[in-house]
Amino acid sequence: MDYSKIEEKIGVKFKNESLLIQAFTRRSYLNENRDKVLEHNERLEFLGDRVLGLSLAKTLLKIYPNEKEGIIDKKFANLVNKKTCLQIAKKLDLGNFIQTGNSYKKLNKSEDKILSDGLEALLGAIYLDRGYKFCETFIY
């Protein structure tokens, strides 16, 4: 697969392309194509979710220095959720790059989760490839 198109679209040229490939590789694809890819994206998804959360929590505290935690938490929940990640993933056409196994290709209902998870994995890959500051700037 040609990943240069997604790099162009997001404005990030990966130093380590294997991180980008991993970000878009689901476990189901790996199970069916073990010889092609060494790792799936679940660990990057976990990491990307945390980087996203940290970046937005930091920003909300800066924007609302006198606001109560409960209010900031509600604002955070509106920003950091699967629905928002899905919208962004669709705008970036991540579905064209995510590799899944044949069993998942038949399940349209799981597509939304796959896309939102893919965005989080992409954030994790950007973080590992370029560092926190770069990733934080990308998120904004």
Foldseek 3Di string as FASTA:
>chain_A
DDCVLLCVLLVHDFPDCLLVLQLQEAPQQCVVCVPPHPHHQPVLLVQLLVLLLVLLLVVLCVVCVPDDPVVSVVVSPVCRDLVNLLVVLVVSVSVVRHDHHPVVVPDPVCVSVSSSSSSSSVLSSCCVRPNSVVSSVSSD
